[in-house]
Amino acid sequence: MWQIFVTGRTCWILDGNGVSMTWTKQFAFCNNSGIVIPWSEIKKISKGLDPNYYILKIDLTTDSTLRFIHDPMVTRDDFQMLIAALNEKHHLA
């Protein structure tokens, strides 16, 4: 029951222009908009392991960093495929 309030879901689309992320299920009491990031604004993409979570980090050319937390124990999805696709598309851009 507690997962209803702490779980969000997103849809990521990668194309020749960049990355777009939209929320398919937002966290309780939130109203966040999606993001669009052109490849030219992405400096580095990395993945880190926290004790209980994976963290996707996207460093931008503006010296800011976007962080997305993923819990592999709760959700079985294509997170690893997303990381691979992000790195592949970023290197081609």
PDB file of N, CA and C in Angstrom:
ATOM      1  N   MET A   1       0.807  -1.199   0.000  1.00  0.00           N
ATOM      2  CA  MET A   1       0.000   0.000   0.000  1.00  0.00           C
ATOM      3  C   MET A   1       0.851   1.265   0.000  1.00  0.00           C
ATOM      4  N   TRP A   2       1.962   1.300   0.732  1.00  0.00           N
ATOM      5  CA  TRP A   2       2.797   2.488   0.824  1.00  0.00           C
ATOM      6  C   TRP A   2       3.397   2.879  -0.526  1.00  0.00           C
ATOM      7  N   GLN A   3       3.554   1.905  -1.435  1.00  0.00           N
ATOM      8  CA  GLN A   3       4.161   2.193  -2.733  1.00  0.00           C
ATOM      9  C   GLN A   3       3.301   3.122  -3.589  1.00  0.00           C
ATOM     10  N   ILE A   4       2.030   3.202  -3.306  1.00  0.00           N
ATOM     11  CA  ILE A   4       1.152   4.108  -4.041  1.00  0.00           C
ATOM     12  C   ILE A   4       1.648   5.545  -3.915  1.00  0.00           C
ATOM     13  N   PHE A   5       2.191   5.897  -2.770  1.00  0.00           N
ATOM     14  CA  PHE A   5       2.595   7.271  -2.508  1.00  0.00           C
ATOM     15  C   PHE A   5       4.042   7.580  -2.871  1.00  0.00           C
ATOM     16  N   VAL A   6       4.898   6.572  -2.987  1.00  0.00           N
ATOM     17  CA  VAL A   6       6.318   6.836  -3.207  1.00  0.00           C
ATOM     18  C   VAL A   6       6.833   6.344  -4.553  1.00  0.00           C
ATOM     19  N   THR A   7       5.960   5.872  -5.392  1.00  0.00           N
ATOM     20  CA  THR A   7       6.381   5.347  -6.682  1.00  0.00           C
ATOM     21  C   THR A   7       5.882   6.223  -7.812  1.00  0.00           C
ATOM     22  N   GLY A   8       6.791   6.585  -8.697  1.00  0.00           N
ATOM     23  CA  GLY A   8       6.441   7.314  -9.907  1.00  0.00           C
ATOM     24  C   GLY A   8       6.912   6.511 -11.103  1.00  0.00           C
ATOM     25  N   ARG A   9       6.313   6.761 -12.253  1.00  0.00           N
ATOM     26  CA  ARG A   9       6.715   6.068 -13.477  1.00  0.00           C
ATOM     27  C   ARG A   9       6.886   7.096 -14.583  1.00  0.00           C
ATOM     28  N   THR A  10       7.845   6.827 -15.458  1.00  0.00           N
ATOM     29  CA  THR A  10       8.112   7.738 -16.555  1.00  0.00           C
ATOM     30  C   THR A  10       8.240   6.991 -17.870  1.00  0.00           C
ATOM     31  N   CYS A  11       8.083   7.723 -18.950  1.00  0.00           N
ATOM     32  CA  CYS A  11       8.295   7.204 -20.291  1.00  0.00           C
ATOM     33  C   CYS A  11       9.393   8.051 -20.921  1.00  0.00           C
ATOM     34  N   TRP A  12      10.422   7.394 -21.437  1.00  0.00           N
ATOM     35  CA  TRP A  12      11.558   8.080 -22.032  1.00  0.00           C
ATOM     36  C   TRP A  12      11.559   7.840 -23.537  1.00  0.00           C
ATOM     37  N   ILE A  13      11.769   8.897 -24.296  1.00  0.00           N
ATOM     38  CA  ILE A  13      11.882   8.784 -25.748  1.00  0.00           C
ATOM     39  C   ILE A  13      13.212   9.404 -26.168  1.00  0.00           C
ATOM     40  N   LEU A  14      14.002   8.623 -26.898  1.00  0.00           N
ATOM     41  CA  LEU A  14      15.286   9.089 -27.404  1.00  0.00           C
ATOM     42  C   LEU A  14      15.181   9.171 -28.922  1.00  0.00           C
ATOM     43  N   ASP A  15      15.538  10.320 -29.472  1.00  0.00           N
ATOM     44  CA  ASP A  15      15.543  10.442 -30.922  1.00  0.00           C
ATOM     45  C   ASP A  15      16.761  11.266 -31.341  1.00  0.00           C
ATOM     46  N   GLY A  16      16.834  11.641 -32.589  1.00  0.00           N
ATOM     47  CA  GLY A  16      17.984  12.377 -33.088  1.00  0.00           C
ATOM     48  C   GLY A  16      18.152  13.752 -32.474  1.00  0.00           C
ATOM     49  N   ASN A  17      17.087  14.296 -31.916  1.00  0.00           N
ATOM     50  CA  ASN A  17      17.139  15.626 -31.312  1.00  0.00           C
ATOM     51  C   ASN A  17      17.586  15.613 -29.858  1.00  0.00           C
ATOM     52  N   GLY A  18      17.247  14.553 -29.124  1.00  0.00           N
ATOM     53  CA  GLY A  18      17.601  14.502 -27.716  1.00  0.00           C
ATOM     54  C   GLY A  18      16.751  13.522 -26.941  1.00  0.00           C
ATOM     55  N   VAL A  19      16.555  13.825 -25.662  1.00  0.00           N
ATOM     56  CA  VAL A  19      15.846  12.967 -24.721  1.00  0.00           C
ATOM     57  C   VAL A  19      14.592  13.697 -24.239  1.00  0.00           C
ATOM     58  N   SER A  20      13.478  13.005 -24.225  1.00  0.00           N
ATOM     59  CA  SER A  20      12.284  13.580 -23.595  1.00  0.00           C
ATOM     60  C   SER A  20      11.735  12.565 -22.600  1.00  0.00           C
ATOM     61  N   MET A  21      11.312  13.068 -21.464  1.00  0.00           N
ATOM     62  CA  MET A  21      10.786  12.227 -20.393  1.00  0.00           C
ATOM     63  C   MET A  21       9.436  12.801 -19.986  1.00  0.00           C
ATOM     64  N   THR A  22       8.432  11.934 -19.953  1.00  0.00           N
ATOM     65  CA  THR A  22       7.109  12.331 -19.475  1.00  0.00           C
ATOM     66  C   THR A  22       6.704  11.408 -18.327  1.00  0.00           C
ATOM     67  N   TRP A  23       5.905  11.931 -17.442  1.00  0.00           N
ATOM     68  CA  TRP A  23       5.406  11.149 -16.311  1.00  0.00           C
ATOM     69  C   TRP A  23       4.172  10.367 -16.739  1.00  0.00           C
ATOM     70  N   THR A  24       4.159   9.061 -16.490  1.00  0.00           N
ATOM     71  CA  THR A  24       2.964   8.259 -16.716  1.00  0.00           C
ATOM     72  C   THR A  24       2.233   8.013 -15.407  1.00  0.00           C
ATOM     73  N   LYS A  25       2.951   8.148 -14.280  1.00  0.00           N
ATOM     74  CA  LYS A  25       2.356   8.093 -12.938  1.00  0.00           C
ATOM     75  C   LYS A  25       3.228   8.956 -12.037  1.00  0.00           C
ATOM     76  N   GLN A  26       2.638  10.003 -11.495  1.00  0.00           N
ATOM     77  CA  GLN A  26       3.403  10.908 -10.648  1.00  0.00           C
ATOM     78  C   GLN A  26       3.318  10.498  -9.187  1.00  0.00           C
ATOM     79  N   PHE A  27       4.250  11.021  -8.417  1.00  0.00           N
ATOM     80  CA  PHE A  27       4.214  10.803  -6.978  1.00  0.00           C
ATOM     81  C   PHE A  27       2.974  11.482  -6.411  1.00  0.00           C
ATOM     82  N   ALA A  28       2.495  10.990  -5.279  1.00  0.00           N
ATOM     83  CA  ALA A  28       1.304  11.561  -4.654  1.00  0.00           C
ATOM     84  C   ALA A  28       1.505  13.053  -4.387  1.00  0.00           C
ATOM     85  N   PHE A  29       0.475  13.818  -4.650  1.00  0.00           N
ATOM     86  CA  PHE A  29       0.429  15.250  -4.376  1.00  0.00           C
ATOM     87  C   PHE A  29       1.440  16.066  -5.189  1.00  0.00           C
ATOM     88  N   CYS A  30       1.906  15.531  -6.335  1.00  0.00           N
ATOM     89  CA  CYS A  30       2.849  16.239  -7.198  1.00  0.00           C
ATOM     90  C   CYS A  30       2.219  16.527  -8.548  1.00  0.00           C
ATOM     91  N   ASN A  31       2.703  17.559  -9.171  1.00  0.00           N
ATOM     92  CA  ASN A  31       2.272  17.895 -10.520  1.00  0.00           C
ATOM     93  C   ASN A  31       3.500  18.387 -11.286  1.00  0.00           C
ATOM     94  N   ASN A  32       4.362  17.452 -11.650  1.00  0.00           N
ATOM     95  CA  ASN A  32       5.601  17.786 -12.340  1.00  0.00           C
ATOM     96  C   ASN A  32       5.405  17.704 -13.848  1.00  0.00           C
ATOM     97  N   SER A  33       6.067  18.591 -14.555  1.00  0.00           N
ATOM     98  CA  SER A  33       6.030  18.513 -16.008  1.00  0.00           C
ATOM     99  C   SER A  33       7.179  17.630 -16.474  1.00  0.00           C
ATOM    100  N   GLY A  34       7.112  17.184 -17.693  1.00  0.00           N
ATOM    101  CA  GLY A  34       8.187  16.382 -18.248  1.00  0.00           C
ATOM    102  C   GLY A  34       9.364  17.260 -18.619  1.00  0.00           C
ATOM    103  N   ILE A  35      10.383  16.648 -19.183  1.00  0.00           N
ATOM    104  CA  ILE A  35      11.571  17.402 -19.588  1.00  0.00           C
ATOM    105  C   ILE A  35      11.953  17.020 -21.013  1.00  0.00           C
ATOM    106  N   VAL A  36      12.596  17.943 -21.674  1.00  0.00           N
ATOM    107  CA  VAL A  36      13.170  17.708 -22.994  1.00  0.00           C
ATOM    108  C   VAL A  36      14.598  18.234 -22.936  1.00  0.00           C
ATOM    109  N   ILE A  37      15.565  17.383 -23.296  1.00  0.00           N
ATOM    110  CA  ILE A  37      16.970  17.772 -23.254  1.00  0.00           C
ATOM    111  C   ILE A  37      17.594  17.490 -24.617  1.00  0.00           C
ATOM    112  N   PRO A  38      18.019  18.521 -25.328  1.00  0.00           N
ATOM    113  CA  PRO A  38      18.733  18.289 -26.586  1.00  0.00           C
ATOM    114  C   PRO A  38      20.092  17.630 -26.309  1.00  0.00           C
ATOM    115  N   TRP A  39      20.547  16.789 -27.231  1.00  0.00           N
ATOM    116  CA  TRP A  39      21.837  16.109 -27.045  1.00  0.00           C
ATOM    117  C   TRP A  39      22.960  17.121 -26.836  1.00  0.00           C
ATOM    118  N   SER A  40      22.863  18.280 -27.487  1.00  0.00           N
ATOM    119  CA  SER A  40      23.930  19.284 -27.383  1.00  0.00           C
ATOM    120  C   SER A  40      24.067  19.848 -25.968  1.00  0.00           C
ATOM    121  N   GLU A  41      23.049  19.677 -25.141  1.00  0.00           N
ATOM    122  CA  GLU A  41      23.113  20.178 -23.764  1.00  0.00           C
ATOM    123  C   GLU A  41      23.565  19.118 -22.763  1.00  0.00           C
ATOM    124  N   ILE A  42      23.780  17.892 -23.232  1.00  0.00           N
ATOM    125  CA  ILE A  42      24.201  16.811 -22.335  1.00  0.00           C
ATOM    126  C   ILE A  42      25.713  16.660 -22.414  1.00  0.00           C
ATOM    127  N   LYS A  43      26.357  16.832 -21.253  1.00  0.00           N
ATOM    128  CA  LYS A  43      27.804  16.697 -21.174  1.00  0.00           C
ATOM    129  C   LYS A  43      28.198  15.251 -20.876  1.00  0.00           C
ATOM    130  N   LYS A  44      27.475  14.611 -19.944  1.00  0.00           N
ATOM    131  CA  LYS A  44      27.857  13.259 -19.510  1.00  0.00           C
ATOM    132  C   LYS A  44      26.634  12.536 -18.964  1.00  0.00           C
ATOM    133  N   ILE A  45      26.582  11.236 -19.217  1.00  0.00           N
ATOM    134  CA  ILE A  45      25.534  10.380 -18.668  1.00  0.00           C
ATOM    135  C   ILE A  45      26.224   9.300 -17.858  1.00  0.00           C
ATOM    136  N   SER A  46      25.790   9.106 -16.620  1.00  0.00           N
ATOM    137  CA  SER A  46      26.413   8.076 -15.787  1.00  0.00           C
ATOM    138  C   SER A  46      25.375   7.411 -14.901  1.00  0.00           C
ATOM    139  N   LYS A  47      25.760   6.267 -14.376  1.00  0.00           N
ATOM    140  CA  LYS A  47      24.892   5.500 -13.490  1.00  0.00           C
ATOM    141  C   LYS A  47      25.689   5.189 -12.241  1.00  0.00           C
ATOM    142  N   GLY A  48      25.092   5.413 -11.096  1.00  0.00           N
ATOM    143  CA  GLY A  48      25.766   5.117  -9.845  1.00  0.00           C
ATOM    144  C   GLY A  48      24.909   4.209  -8.989  1.00  0.00           C
ATOM    145  N   LEU A  49      25.536   3.504  -8.100  1.00  0.00           N
ATOM    146  CA  LEU A  49      24.829   2.598  -7.206  1.00  0.00           C
ATOM    147  C   LEU A  49      24.854   3.170  -5.804  1.00  0.00           C
ATOM    148  N   ASP A  50      23.679   3.441  -5.282  1.00  0.00           N
ATOM    149  CA  ASP A  50      23.496   3.841  -3.903  1.00  0.00           C
ATOM    150  C   ASP A  50      23.240   2.534  -3.151  1.00  0.00           C
ATOM    151  N   PRO A  51      23.215   2.503  -1.832  1.00  0.00           N
ATOM    152  CA  PRO A  51      22.980   1.227  -1.148  1.00  0.00           C
ATOM    153  C   PRO A  51      21.712   0.498  -1.588  1.00  0.00           C
ATOM    154  N   ASN A  52      20.639   1.213  -1.893  1.00  0.00           N
ATOM    155  CA  ASN A  52      19.391   0.553  -2.262  1.00  0.00           C
ATOM    156  C   ASN A  52      18.851   0.958  -3.628  1.00  0.00           C
ATOM    157  N   TYR A  53      19.514   1.870  -4.314  1.00  0.00           N
ATOM    158  CA  TYR A  53      18.966   2.411  -5.547  1.00  0.00           C
ATOM    159  C   TYR A  53      20.049   2.598  -6.597  1.00  0.00           C
ATOM    160  N   TYR A  54      19.617   2.608  -7.844  1.00  0.00           N
ATOM    161  CA  TYR A  54      20.478   3.063  -8.924  1.00  0.00           C
ATOM    162  C   TYR A  54      20.151   4.527  -9.161  1.00  0.00           C
ATOM    163  N   ILE A  55      21.153   5.306  -9.466  1.00  0.00           N
ATOM    164  CA  ILE A  55      20.936   6.711  -9.746  1.00  0.00           C
ATOM    165  C   ILE A  55      21.442   6.992 -11.160  1.00  0.00           C
ATOM    166  N   LEU A  56      20.554   7.464 -12.019  1.00  0.00           N
ATOM    167  CA  LEU A  56      20.916   7.908 -13.351  1.00  0.00           C
ATOM    168  C   LEU A  56      21.232   9.388 -13.236  1.00  0.00           C
ATOM    169  N   LYS A  57      22.438   9.775 -13.651  1.00  0.00           N
ATOM    170  CA  LYS A  57      22.842  11.169 -13.584  1.00  0.00           C
ATOM    171  C   LYS A  57      23.087  11.680 -15.002  1.00  0.00           C
ATOM    172  N   ILE A  58      22.513  12.821 -15.299  1.00  0.00           N
ATOM    173  CA  ILE A  58      22.738  13.482 -16.576  1.00  0.00           C
ATOM    174  C   ILE A  58      23.346  14.846 -16.267  1.00  0.00           C
ATOM    175  N   ASP A  59      24.640  14.987 -16.563  1.00  0.00           N
ATOM    176  CA  ASP A  59      25.328  16.263 -16.369  1.00  0.00           C
ATOM    177  C   ASP A  59      25.102  17.122 -17.605  1.00  0.00           C
ATOM    178  N   LEU A  60      24.686  18.348 -17.385  1.00  0.00           N
ATOM    179  CA  LEU A  60      24.378  19.265 -18.473  1.00  0.00           C
ATOM    180  C   LEU A  60      25.518  20.251 -18.699  1.00  0.00           C
ATOM    181  N   THR A  61      25.546  20.848 -19.875  1.00  0.00           N
ATOM    182  CA  THR A  61      26.584  21.828 -20.198  1.00  0.00           C
ATOM    183  C   THR A  61      26.457  23.088 -19.351  1.00  0.00           C
ATOM    184  N   THR A  62      25.318  23.278 -18.700  1.00  0.00           N
ATOM    185  CA  THR A  62      25.111  24.434 -17.818  1.00  0.00           C
ATOM    186  C   THR A  62      25.692  24.184 -16.426  1.00  0.00           C
ATOM    187  N   ASP A  63      26.413  23.065 -16.269  1.00  0.00           N
ATOM    188  CA  ASP A  63      27.009  22.647 -14.994  1.00  0.00           C
ATOM    189  C   ASP A  63      25.981  22.270 -13.937  1.00  0.00           C
ATOM    190  N   SER A  64      24.779  21.938 -14.362  1.00  0.00           N
ATOM    191  CA  SER A  64      23.793  21.384 -13.441  1.00  0.00           C
ATOM    192  C   SER A  64      23.654  19.890 -13.738  1.00  0.00           C
ATOM    193  N   THR A  65      23.111  19.152 -12.788  1.00  0.00           N
ATOM    194  CA  THR A  65      22.979  17.705 -12.922  1.00  0.00           C
ATOM    195  C   THR A  65      21.550  17.294 -12.608  1.00  0.00           C
ATOM    196  N   LEU A  66      20.981  16.480 -13.492  1.00  0.00           N
ATOM    197  CA  LEU A  66      19.672  15.885 -13.242  1.00  0.00           C
ATOM    198  C   LEU A  66      19.904  14.491 -12.677  1.00  0.00           C
ATOM    199  N   ARG A  67      19.183  14.146 -11.608  1.00  0.00           N
ATOM    200  CA  ARG A  67      19.324  12.834 -10.973  1.00  0.00           C
ATOM    201  C   ARG A  67      17.977  12.135 -10.940  1.00  0.00           C
ATOM    202  N   PHE A  68      17.984  10.878 -11.370  1.00  0.00           N
ATOM    203  CA  PHE A  68      16.775  10.071 -11.378  1.00  0.00           C
ATOM    204  C   PHE A  68      17.069   8.804 -10.593  1.00  0.00           C
ATOM    205  N   ILE A  69      16.263   8.522  -9.584  1.00  0.00           N
ATOM    206  CA  ILE A  69      16.476   7.361  -8.724  1.00  0.00           C
ATOM    207  C   ILE A  69      15.593   6.217  -9.186  1.00  0.00           C
ATOM    208  N   HIS A  70      16.178   5.040  -9.228  1.00  0.00           N
ATOM    209  CA  HIS A  70      15.466   3.842  -9.682  1.00  0.00           C
ATOM    210  C   HIS A  70      15.673   2.739  -8.652  1.00  0.00           C
ATOM    211  N   ASP A  71      14.611   2.115  -8.229  1.00  0.00           N
ATOM    212  CA  ASP A  71      14.674   1.017  -7.261  1.00  0.00           C
ATOM    213  C   ASP A  71      14.456  -0.302  -7.991  1.00  0.00           C
ATOM    214  N   PRO A  72      15.510  -1.079  -8.233  1.00  0.00           N
ATOM    215  CA  PRO A  72      15.360  -2.331  -8.983  1.00  0.00           C
ATOM    216  C   PRO A  72      14.626  -3.427  -8.220  1.00  0.00           C
ATOM    217  N   MET A  73      14.463  -3.282  -6.920  1.00  0.00           N
ATOM    218  CA  MET A  73      13.781  -4.316  -6.139  1.00  0.00           C
ATOM    219  C   MET A  73      12.256  -4.198  -6.241  1.00  0.00           C
ATOM    220  N   VAL A  74      11.759  -3.010  -6.560  1.00  0.00           N
ATOM    221  CA  VAL A  74      10.316  -2.783  -6.608  1.00  0.00           C
ATOM    222  C   VAL A  74       9.776  -2.954  -8.026  1.00  0.00           C
ATOM    223  N   THR A  75      10.490  -2.429  -8.991  1.00  0.00           N
ATOM    224  CA  THR A  75       9.985  -2.395 -10.358  1.00  0.00           C
ATOM    225  C   THR A  75      10.908  -3.172 -11.286  1.00  0.00           C
ATOM    226  N   ARG A  76      10.367  -4.098 -12.007  1.00  0.00           N
ATOM    227  CA  ARG A  76      11.124  -4.803 -13.035  1.00  0.00           C
ATOM    228  C   ARG A  76      10.799  -4.116 -14.359  1.00  0.00           C
ATOM    229  N   ASP A  77      11.779  -3.462 -14.931  1.00  0.00           N
ATOM    230  CA  ASP A  77      11.537  -2.712 -16.156  1.00  0.00           C
ATOM    231  C   ASP A  77      12.786  -2.720 -17.023  1.00  0.00           C
ATOM    232  N   ASP A  78      12.866  -1.801 -17.949  1.00  0.00           N
ATOM    233  CA  ASP A  78      13.982  -1.783 -18.890  1.00  0.00           C
ATOM    234  C   ASP A  78      14.990  -0.675 -18.566  1.00  0.00           C
ATOM    235  N   PHE A  79      15.258  -0.444 -17.291  1.00  0.00           N
ATOM    236  CA  PHE A  79      16.190   0.597 -16.861  1.00  0.00           C
ATOM    237  C   PHE A  79      17.578   0.381 -17.455  1.00  0.00           C
ATOM    238  N   GLN A  80      18.075  -0.837 -17.425  1.00  0.00           N
ATOM    239  CA  GLN A  80      19.417  -1.112 -17.962  1.00  0.00           C
ATOM    240  C   GLN A  80      19.460  -0.847 -19.466  1.00  0.00           C
ATOM    241  N   MET A  81      18.385  -1.170 -20.175  1.00  0.00           N
ATOM    242  CA  MET A  81      18.323  -0.890 -21.607  1.00  0.00           C
ATOM    243  C   MET A  81      18.280   0.620 -21.854  1.00  0.00           C
ATOM    244  N   LEU A  82      17.613   1.362 -20.979  1.00  0.00           N
ATOM    245  CA  LEU A  82      17.574   2.818 -21.101  1.00  0.00           C
ATOM    246  C   LEU A  82      18.978   3.393 -20.961  1.00  0.00           C
ATOM    247  N   ILE A  83      19.735   2.935 -19.967  1.00  0.00           N
ATOM    248  CA  ILE A  83      21.101   3.421 -19.755  1.00  0.00           C
ATOM    249  C   ILE A  83      21.951   3.158 -20.996  1.00  0.00           C
ATOM    250  N   ALA A  84      21.870   1.942 -21.528  1.00  0.00           N
ATOM    251  CA  ALA A  84      22.652   1.579 -22.716  1.00  0.00           C
ATOM    252  C   ALA A  84      22.250   2.455 -23.909  1.00  0.00           C
ATOM    253  N   ALA A  85      20.954   2.653 -24.114  1.00  0.00           N
ATOM    254  CA  ALA A  85      20.481   3.462 -25.236  1.00  0.00           C
ATOM    255  C   ALA A  85      20.885   4.922 -25.073  1.00  0.00           C
ATOM    256  N   LEU A  86      20.806   5.456 -23.860  1.00  0.00           N
ATOM    257  CA  LEU A  86      21.231   6.836 -23.615  1.00  0.00           C
ATOM    258  C   LEU A  86      22.700   7.018 -23.960  1.00  0.00           C
ATOM    259  N   ASN A  87      23.537   6.100 -23.498  1.00  0.00           N
ATOM    260  CA  ASN A  87      24.968   6.214 -23.774  1.00  0.00           C
ATOM    261  C   ASN A  87      25.261   6.071 -25.260  1.00  0.00           C
ATOM    262  N   GLU A  88      24.592   5.146 -25.928  1.00  0.00           N
ATOM    263  CA  GLU A  88      24.812   4.955 -27.355  1.00  0.00           C
ATOM    264  C   GLU A  88      24.387   6.185 -28.156  1.00  0.00           C
ATOM    265  N   LYS A  89      23.176   6.693 -27.900  1.00  0.00           N
ATOM    266  CA  LYS A  89      22.687   7.864 -28.631  1.00  0.00           C
ATOM    267  C   LYS A  89      23.530   9.093 -28.327  1.00  0.00           C
ATOM    268  N   HIS A  90      23.959   9.250 -27.072  1.00  0.00           N
ATOM    269  CA  HIS A  90      24.754  10.421 -26.687  1.00  0.00           C
ATOM    270  C   HIS A  90      26.085  10.423 -27.429  1.00  0.00           C
ATOM    271  N   HIS A  91      26.708   9.260 -27.577  1.00  0.00           N
ATOM    272  CA  HIS A  91      27.992   9.180 -28.280  1.00  0.00           C
ATOM    273  C   HIS A  91      27.827   9.420 -29.774  1.00  0.00           C
ATOM    274  N   LEU A  92      26.668   9.123 -30.339  1.00  0.00           N
ATOM    275  CA  LEU A  92      26.426   9.332 -31.756  1.00  0.00           C
ATOM    276  C   LEU A  92      26.039  10.771 -32.075  1.00  0.00           C
ATOM    277  N   ALA A  93      25.539  11.480 -31.075  1.00  0.00           N
ATOM    278  CA  ALA A  93      25.055  12.855 -31.310  1.00  0.00           C
ATOM    279  C   ALA A  93      26.192  13.847 -31.504  1.00  0.00           C
TER     280      ALA A  93
END
